[in-house]
Amino acid sequence: MPHLRISEAAQLLGVSDDTLRRWTASGELSTTLDDAGRQVLDGADLAQFARQRSTQVPSPGGSSSARNRFVGLVTAVTSDAVMSQVELQCGPYRVVSLMSTEAVRELGLEPGVVATAGIKATNVVVERPDRDR
């Protein structure tokens, strides 16, 4: 089982180390000690906790088959006569979308607007930074 230190787990959850320590102190998450005597969290337990705490973003106007939905703030819009690039900051993640300039106008997308990025991809690359290729 993979184990993560408090700081690593906090970064993955997008919270401070102190918040994660409060969750462990209240019993919401359990820790063990590694060989060096540091508190660590079980990776599988952390994944389950993250899924339980995630919020479902409702689809405006009905259902959608896209499961990956990120609410964020529009930070930039670059447009020409036909196409636009829209950048959103969704928590610690930057999401970039290419769409028609007509769609940008219809949605009223401009910096400072809150929007939801719905992502449905047929090709998703998953990497492990701790593994050699």
N, C-alpha and C. Protein backbone atom coordinates (compact mmCIF):
# COMPACT_ATOMS: atom_id res chain seq x y z
N MET A 1 0.83 -1.20 0.00
CA MET A 1 0.00 0.00 0.00
C MET A 1 0.87 1.25 0.00
N PRO A 2 0.56 2.22 -0.85
CA PRO A 2 1.30 3.48 -0.82
C PRO A 2 0.91 4.29 0.42
N HIS A 3 1.90 4.94 0.99
CA HIS A 3 1.66 5.82 2.14
C HIS A 3 2.15 7.21 1.79
N LEU A 4 1.42 8.21 2.25
CA LEU A 4 1.74 9.60 1.96
C LEU A 4 1.94 10.37 3.26
N ARG A 5 2.94 11.24 3.25
CA ARG A 5 3.14 12.11 4.40
C ARG A 5 2.04 13.17 4.43
N ILE A 6 1.87 13.80 5.57
CA ILE A 6 0.83 14.81 5.76
C ILE A 6 0.93 15.90 4.69
N SER A 7 2.12 16.41 4.44
CA SER A 7 2.28 17.50 3.47
C SER A 7 1.92 17.05 2.06
N GLU A 8 2.28 15.82 1.70
CA GLU A 8 1.95 15.31 0.37
C GLU A 8 0.45 15.15 0.22
N ALA A 9 -0.20 14.58 1.23
CA ALA A 9 -1.64 14.37 1.18
C ALA A 9 -2.39 15.69 1.13
N ALA A 10 -1.95 16.66 1.92
CA ALA A 10 -2.59 17.98 1.93
C ALA A 10 -2.51 18.62 0.55
N GLN A 11 -1.35 18.53 -0.08
CA GLN A 11 -1.18 19.12 -1.41
C GLN A 11 -2.12 18.45 -2.41
N LEU A 12 -2.25 17.12 -2.35
CA LEU A 12 -3.13 16.41 -3.27
C LEU A 12 -4.59 16.77 -3.07
N LEU A 13 -4.98 17.06 -1.83
CA LEU A 13 -6.37 17.42 -1.54
C LEU A 13 -6.63 18.91 -1.71
N GLY A 14 -5.57 19.70 -1.90
CA GLY A 14 -5.74 21.14 -2.07
C GLY A 14 -6.08 21.87 -0.79
N VAL A 15 -5.56 21.36 0.33
CA VAL A 15 -5.79 21.99 1.64
C VAL A 15 -4.45 22.22 2.31
N SER A 16 -4.47 22.93 3.42
CA SER A 16 -3.23 23.17 4.17
C SER A 16 -2.89 21.95 5.02
N ASP A 17 -1.63 21.88 5.42
CA ASP A 17 -1.20 20.81 6.33
C ASP A 17 -2.02 20.86 7.62
N ASP A 18 -2.30 22.08 8.10
CA ASP A 18 -3.07 22.23 9.34
C ASP A 18 -4.47 21.66 9.20
N THR A 19 -5.10 21.90 8.07
CA THR A 19 -6.45 21.34 7.84
C THR A 19 -6.40 19.83 7.89
N LEU A 20 -5.42 19.24 7.24
CA LEU A 20 -5.31 17.78 7.23
C LEU A 20 -5.04 17.26 8.64
N ARG A 21 -4.23 17.96 9.39
CA ARG A 21 -3.97 17.54 10.78
C ARG A 21 -5.25 17.63 11.63
N ARG A 22 -6.07 18.64 11.39
CA ARG A 22 -7.35 18.73 12.12
C ARG A 22 -8.25 17.54 11.77
N TRP A 23 -8.26 17.15 10.49
CA TRP A 23 -9.07 15.99 10.08
C TRP A 23 -8.56 14.71 10.73
N THR A 24 -7.25 14.58 10.88
CA THR A 24 -6.73 13.38 11.54
C THR A 24 -7.02 13.43 13.04
N ALA A 25 -6.91 14.61 13.65
CA ALA A 25 -7.18 14.75 15.09
C ALA A 25 -8.64 14.47 15.41
N SER A 26 -9.54 14.82 14.49
CA SER A 26 -10.97 14.59 14.74
C SER A 26 -11.40 13.18 14.36
N GLY A 27 -10.48 12.40 13.78
CA GLY A 27 -10.81 11.02 13.43
C GLY A 27 -11.38 10.84 12.04
N GLU A 28 -11.46 11.92 11.26
CA GLU A 28 -11.97 11.79 9.89
C GLU A 28 -11.01 11.00 9.01
N LEU A 29 -9.72 11.07 9.32
CA LEU A 29 -8.68 10.32 8.63
C LEU A 29 -7.78 9.70 9.68
N SER A 30 -7.27 8.51 9.39
CA SER A 30 -6.35 7.89 10.36
C SER A 30 -4.94 7.87 9.79
N THR A 31 -3.99 7.94 10.70
CA THR A 31 -2.58 7.91 10.31
C THR A 31 -1.88 6.76 11.03
N THR A 32 -0.75 6.41 10.49
CA THR A 32 0.15 5.46 11.14
C THR A 32 1.53 6.10 11.13
N LEU A 33 2.48 5.45 11.76
CA LEU A 33 3.85 5.95 11.76
C LEU A 33 4.68 5.12 10.80
N ASP A 34 5.52 5.80 10.01
CA ASP A 34 6.41 5.08 9.11
C ASP A 34 7.67 4.67 9.87
N ASP A 35 8.62 4.07 9.18
CA ASP A 35 9.85 3.59 9.83
C ASP A 35 10.66 4.72 10.46
N ALA A 36 10.49 5.94 9.95
CA ALA A 36 11.22 7.09 10.49
C ALA A 36 10.43 7.79 11.61
N GLY A 37 9.25 7.27 11.95
CA GLY A 37 8.45 7.85 13.02
C GLY A 37 7.56 9.01 12.57
N ARG A 38 7.43 9.21 11.26
CA ARG A 38 6.57 10.29 10.73
C ARG A 38 5.16 9.77 10.54
N GLN A 39 4.19 10.68 10.72
CA GLN A 39 2.80 10.32 10.45
C GLN A 39 2.59 10.18 8.95
N VAL A 40 1.94 9.09 8.55
CA VAL A 40 1.62 8.87 7.15
C VAL A 40 0.18 8.40 7.04
N LEU A 41 -0.39 8.64 5.87
CA LEU A 41 -1.76 8.21 5.58
C LEU A 41 -1.72 7.13 4.52
N ASP A 42 -2.59 6.16 4.64
CA ASP A 42 -2.72 5.11 3.64
C ASP A 42 -3.30 5.73 2.36
N GLY A 43 -2.66 5.48 1.22
CA GLY A 43 -3.10 6.06 -0.04
C GLY A 43 -4.53 5.68 -0.42
N ALA A 44 -4.91 4.42 -0.19
CA ALA A 44 -6.26 3.97 -0.53
C ALA A 44 -7.30 4.66 0.35
N ASP A 45 -6.99 4.80 1.65
CA ASP A 45 -7.92 5.51 2.55
C ASP A 45 -8.07 6.97 2.13
N LEU A 46 -6.96 7.59 1.74
CA LEU A 46 -7.00 8.99 1.32
C LEU A 46 -7.84 9.14 0.05
N ALA A 47 -7.69 8.20 -0.88
CA ALA A 47 -8.48 8.25 -2.12
C ALA A 47 -9.97 8.13 -1.82
N GLN A 48 -10.34 7.24 -0.93
CA GLN A 48 -11.75 7.08 -0.56
C GLN A 48 -12.26 8.36 0.12
N PHE A 49 -11.47 8.93 1.01
CA PHE A 49 -11.84 10.17 1.69
C PHE A 49 -12.05 11.29 0.67
N ALA A 50 -11.15 11.39 -0.31
CA ALA A 50 -11.26 12.44 -1.33
C ALA A 50 -12.54 12.28 -2.14
N ARG A 51 -12.89 11.07 -2.49
CA ARG A 51 -14.12 10.83 -3.26
C ARG A 51 -15.36 11.18 -2.44
N GLN A 52 -15.34 10.84 -1.14
CA GLN A 52 -16.49 11.14 -0.28
C GLN A 52 -16.68 12.63 -0.09
N ARG A 53 -15.58 13.38 -0.04
CA ARG A 53 -15.66 14.82 0.20
C ARG A 53 -15.89 15.63 -1.06
N SER A 54 -15.72 15.00 -2.23
CA SER A 54 -15.90 15.75 -3.48
C SER A 54 -17.37 16.12 -3.62
N THR A 55 -17.58 17.24 -4.25
CA THR A 55 -18.95 17.69 -4.47
C THR A 55 -19.32 17.48 -5.91
N GLN A 56 -20.53 17.09 -6.12
CA GLN A 56 -21.04 16.92 -7.47
C GLN A 56 -21.52 18.27 -7.97
N VAL A 57 -21.07 18.63 -9.14
CA VAL A 57 -21.48 19.89 -9.74
C VAL A 57 -22.68 19.62 -10.63
N PRO A 58 -23.83 20.23 -10.34
CA PRO A 58 -25.00 19.97 -11.17
C PRO A 58 -24.82 20.53 -12.58
N SER A 59 -25.37 19.82 -13.53
CA SER A 59 -25.33 20.29 -14.90
C SER A 59 -26.40 21.35 -15.09
N PRO A 60 -26.01 22.53 -15.60
CA PRO A 60 -27.03 23.54 -15.85
C PRO A 60 -27.92 23.07 -16.99
N GLY A 61 -29.20 23.04 -16.75
CA GLY A 61 -30.14 22.70 -17.81
C GLY A 61 -30.31 21.22 -18.07
N GLY A 62 -29.85 20.33 -17.19
CA GLY A 62 -30.13 18.92 -17.40
C GLY A 62 -28.94 18.01 -17.19
N SER A 63 -29.05 16.82 -17.76
CA SER A 63 -28.05 15.79 -17.58
C SER A 63 -26.92 15.92 -18.58
N SER A 64 -25.80 15.30 -18.23
CA SER A 64 -24.64 15.30 -19.10
C SER A 64 -23.90 13.99 -18.89
N SER A 65 -23.27 13.48 -19.95
CA SER A 65 -22.50 12.26 -19.80
C SER A 65 -21.09 12.55 -19.31
N ALA A 66 -20.68 13.82 -19.27
CA ALA A 66 -19.36 14.17 -18.78
C ALA A 66 -19.33 14.07 -17.26
N ARG A 67 -18.41 13.30 -16.73
CA ARG A 67 -18.31 13.11 -15.28
C ARG A 67 -17.29 14.03 -14.65
N ASN A 68 -16.36 14.51 -15.44
CA ASN A 68 -15.30 15.36 -14.92
C ASN A 68 -15.70 16.81 -15.11
N ARG A 69 -16.13 17.43 -14.03
CA ARG A 69 -16.62 18.80 -14.09
C ARG A 69 -15.87 19.63 -13.07
N PHE A 70 -15.30 20.75 -13.54
CA PHE A 70 -14.49 21.60 -12.69
C PHE A 70 -15.03 23.01 -12.73
N VAL A 71 -15.43 23.53 -11.58
CA VAL A 71 -15.89 24.91 -11.48
C VAL A 71 -14.66 25.78 -11.31
N GLY A 72 -14.61 26.87 -12.06
CA GLY A 72 -13.46 27.75 -11.96
C GLY A 72 -13.76 29.16 -12.40
N LEU A 73 -12.74 29.96 -12.37
CA LEU A 73 -12.83 31.36 -12.72
C LEU A 73 -12.16 31.56 -14.08
N VAL A 74 -12.85 32.20 -15.00
CA VAL A 74 -12.25 32.50 -16.30
C VAL A 74 -11.14 33.52 -16.05
N THR A 75 -9.94 33.19 -16.51
CA THR A 75 -8.79 34.08 -16.29
C THR A 75 -8.33 34.76 -17.56
N ALA A 76 -8.66 34.19 -18.73
CA ALA A 76 -8.24 34.80 -19.99
C ALA A 76 -9.10 34.28 -21.13
N VAL A 77 -9.36 35.14 -22.09
CA VAL A 77 -10.06 34.77 -23.32
C VAL A 77 -9.30 35.42 -24.47
N THR A 78 -8.84 34.59 -25.40
CA THR A 78 -8.15 35.07 -26.59
C THR A 78 -8.98 34.67 -27.79
N SER A 79 -9.45 35.64 -28.56
CA SER A 79 -10.37 35.35 -29.66
C SER A 79 -9.88 35.94 -30.98
N ASP A 80 -10.24 35.24 -32.06
CA ASP A 80 -10.14 35.84 -33.38
C ASP A 80 -11.56 35.79 -33.97
N ALA A 81 -11.71 35.96 -35.25
CA ALA A 81 -13.04 36.03 -35.84
C ALA A 81 -13.82 34.72 -35.72
N VAL A 82 -13.10 33.59 -35.65
CA VAL A 82 -13.77 32.29 -35.67
C VAL A 82 -13.62 31.51 -34.36
N MET A 83 -12.39 31.42 -33.83
CA MET A 83 -12.10 30.57 -32.68
C MET A 83 -11.61 31.38 -31.48
N SER A 84 -11.80 30.78 -30.29
CA SER A 84 -11.34 31.40 -29.05
C SER A 84 -10.67 30.37 -28.16
N GLN A 85 -9.74 30.86 -27.36
CA GLN A 85 -9.12 30.05 -26.32
C GLN A 85 -9.57 30.64 -24.99
N VAL A 86 -10.17 29.80 -24.16
CA VAL A 86 -10.68 30.24 -22.85
C VAL A 86 -9.89 29.51 -21.78
N GLU A 87 -9.32 30.26 -20.84
CA GLU A 87 -8.57 29.68 -19.74
C GLU A 87 -9.36 29.85 -18.44
N LEU A 88 -9.44 28.77 -17.68
CA LEU A 88 -10.09 28.79 -16.37
C LEU A 88 -9.10 28.35 -15.32
N GLN A 89 -9.18 28.93 -14.15
CA GLN A 89 -8.40 28.46 -13.00
C GLN A 89 -9.38 27.74 -12.10
N CYS A 90 -9.24 26.42 -12.02
CA CYS A 90 -10.14 25.56 -11.25
C CYS A 90 -9.34 25.01 -10.07
N GLY A 91 -9.40 25.71 -8.94
CA GLY A 91 -8.55 25.33 -7.81
C GLY A 91 -7.10 25.50 -8.24
N PRO A 92 -6.28 24.49 -8.03
CA PRO A 92 -4.88 24.61 -8.42
C PRO A 92 -4.63 24.30 -9.89
N TYR A 93 -5.70 24.00 -10.63
CA TYR A 93 -5.53 23.54 -12.01
C TYR A 93 -5.95 24.58 -13.03
N ARG A 94 -5.16 24.68 -14.09
CA ARG A 94 -5.46 25.54 -15.22
C ARG A 94 -6.09 24.67 -16.29
N VAL A 95 -7.29 25.03 -16.72
CA VAL A 95 -8.01 24.29 -17.75
C VAL A 95 -8.15 25.22 -18.95
N VAL A 96 -7.78 24.73 -20.14
CA VAL A 96 -7.83 25.52 -21.36
C VAL A 96 -8.80 24.85 -22.32
N SER A 97 -9.70 25.64 -22.88
CA SER A 97 -10.67 25.13 -23.83
C SER A 97 -10.62 25.94 -25.12
N LEU A 98 -10.73 25.24 -26.23
CA LEU A 98 -10.84 25.90 -27.53
C LEU A 98 -12.29 25.76 -27.99
N MET A 99 -12.89 26.86 -28.39
CA MET A 99 -14.29 26.85 -28.82
C MET A 99 -14.51 27.98 -29.80
N SER A 100 -15.68 27.99 -30.39
CA SER A 100 -15.98 29.06 -31.35
C SER A 100 -16.12 30.39 -30.61
N THR A 101 -15.77 31.44 -31.30
CA THR A 101 -15.93 32.78 -30.74
C THR A 101 -17.42 33.07 -30.53
N GLU A 102 -18.25 32.53 -31.38
CA GLU A 102 -19.70 32.68 -31.22
C GLU A 102 -20.15 32.11 -29.88
N ALA A 103 -19.63 30.93 -29.50
CA ALA A 103 -19.99 30.31 -28.22
C ALA A 103 -19.52 31.16 -27.05
N VAL A 104 -18.33 31.74 -27.16
CA VAL A 104 -17.81 32.61 -26.11
C VAL A 104 -18.75 33.79 -25.89
N ARG A 105 -19.20 34.38 -26.98
CA ARG A 105 -20.12 35.53 -26.88
C ARG A 105 -21.46 35.11 -26.28
N GLU A 106 -22.00 33.98 -26.75
CA GLU A 106 -23.30 33.50 -26.23
C GLU A 106 -23.24 33.20 -24.74
N LEU A 107 -22.11 32.65 -24.28
CA LEU A 107 -21.96 32.31 -22.86
C LEU A 107 -21.53 33.50 -22.02
N GLY A 108 -21.13 34.58 -22.66
CA GLY A 108 -20.68 35.75 -21.92
C GLY A 108 -19.38 35.50 -21.17
N LEU A 109 -18.48 34.71 -21.77
CA LEU A 109 -17.23 34.37 -21.10
C LEU A 109 -16.24 35.52 -21.22
N GLU A 110 -15.74 35.94 -20.08
CA GLU A 110 -14.72 36.98 -20.00
C GLU A 110 -14.03 36.82 -18.66
N PRO A 111 -12.84 37.35 -18.49
CA PRO A 111 -12.13 37.21 -17.22
C PRO A 111 -12.99 37.68 -16.04
N GLY A 112 -13.00 36.85 -15.00
CA GLY A 112 -13.77 37.15 -13.80
C GLY A 112 -15.09 36.41 -13.71
N VAL A 113 -15.54 35.78 -14.80
CA VAL A 113 -16.79 35.04 -14.81
C VAL A 113 -16.55 33.63 -14.26
N VAL A 114 -17.46 33.13 -13.44
CA VAL A 114 -17.38 31.75 -12.94
C VAL A 114 -18.02 30.85 -13.99
N ALA A 115 -17.34 29.77 -14.34
CA ALA A 115 -17.83 28.84 -15.34
C ALA A 115 -17.45 27.41 -14.94
N THR A 116 -18.09 26.44 -15.55
CA THR A 116 -17.79 25.03 -15.30
C THR A 116 -17.23 24.40 -16.56
N ALA A 117 -16.10 23.73 -16.41
CA ALA A 117 -15.50 22.98 -17.52
C ALA A 117 -15.96 21.53 -17.39
N GLY A 118 -16.67 21.04 -18.39
CA GLY A 118 -17.08 19.64 -18.44
C GLY A 118 -16.15 18.92 -19.39
N ILE A 119 -15.45 17.91 -18.90
CA ILE A 119 -14.43 17.26 -19.70
C ILE A 119 -14.80 15.80 -19.94
N LYS A 120 -14.85 15.44 -21.21
CA LYS A 120 -15.08 14.05 -21.58
C LYS A 120 -14.06 13.74 -22.66
N ALA A 121 -13.10 12.92 -22.35
CA ALA A 121 -12.01 12.67 -23.27
C ALA A 121 -11.91 11.18 -23.60
N THR A 122 -11.52 10.90 -24.81
CA THR A 122 -11.27 9.51 -25.20
C THR A 122 -9.81 9.15 -25.00
N ASN A 123 -8.97 10.12 -24.77
CA ASN A 123 -7.55 9.88 -24.57
C ASN A 123 -7.08 10.67 -23.37
N VAL A 124 -6.78 10.00 -22.28
CA VAL A 124 -6.29 10.64 -21.08
C VAL A 124 -4.95 10.00 -20.73
N VAL A 125 -3.92 10.80 -20.60
CA VAL A 125 -2.59 10.31 -20.25
C VAL A 125 -2.45 10.34 -18.73
N VAL A 126 -2.04 9.23 -18.15
CA VAL A 126 -1.83 9.13 -16.71
C VAL A 126 -0.36 8.79 -16.50
N GLU A 127 0.31 9.57 -15.66
CA GLU A 127 1.72 9.36 -15.39
C GLU A 127 1.96 9.16 -13.91
N ARG A 128 3.02 8.47 -13.57
CA ARG A 128 3.46 8.29 -12.19
C ARG A 128 4.81 8.94 -12.05
N PRO A 129 4.91 10.08 -11.36
CA PRO A 129 6.18 10.78 -11.26
C PRO A 129 7.24 10.01 -10.49
N ASP A 130 6.85 9.03 -9.69
CA ASP A 130 7.81 8.29 -8.87
C ASP A 130 8.29 7.01 -9.53
N ARG A 131 7.93 6.78 -10.79
CA ARG A 131 8.33 5.56 -11.51
C ARG A 131 9.19 5.90 -12.71
N ASP A 132 10.19 5.07 -12.97
CA ASP A 132 11.00 5.23 -14.18
C ASP A 132 10.19 4.74 -15.37
N ARG A 133 10.48 5.30 -16.50
CA ARG A 133 9.73 4.92 -17.70
C ARG A 133 10.35 3.73 -18.36
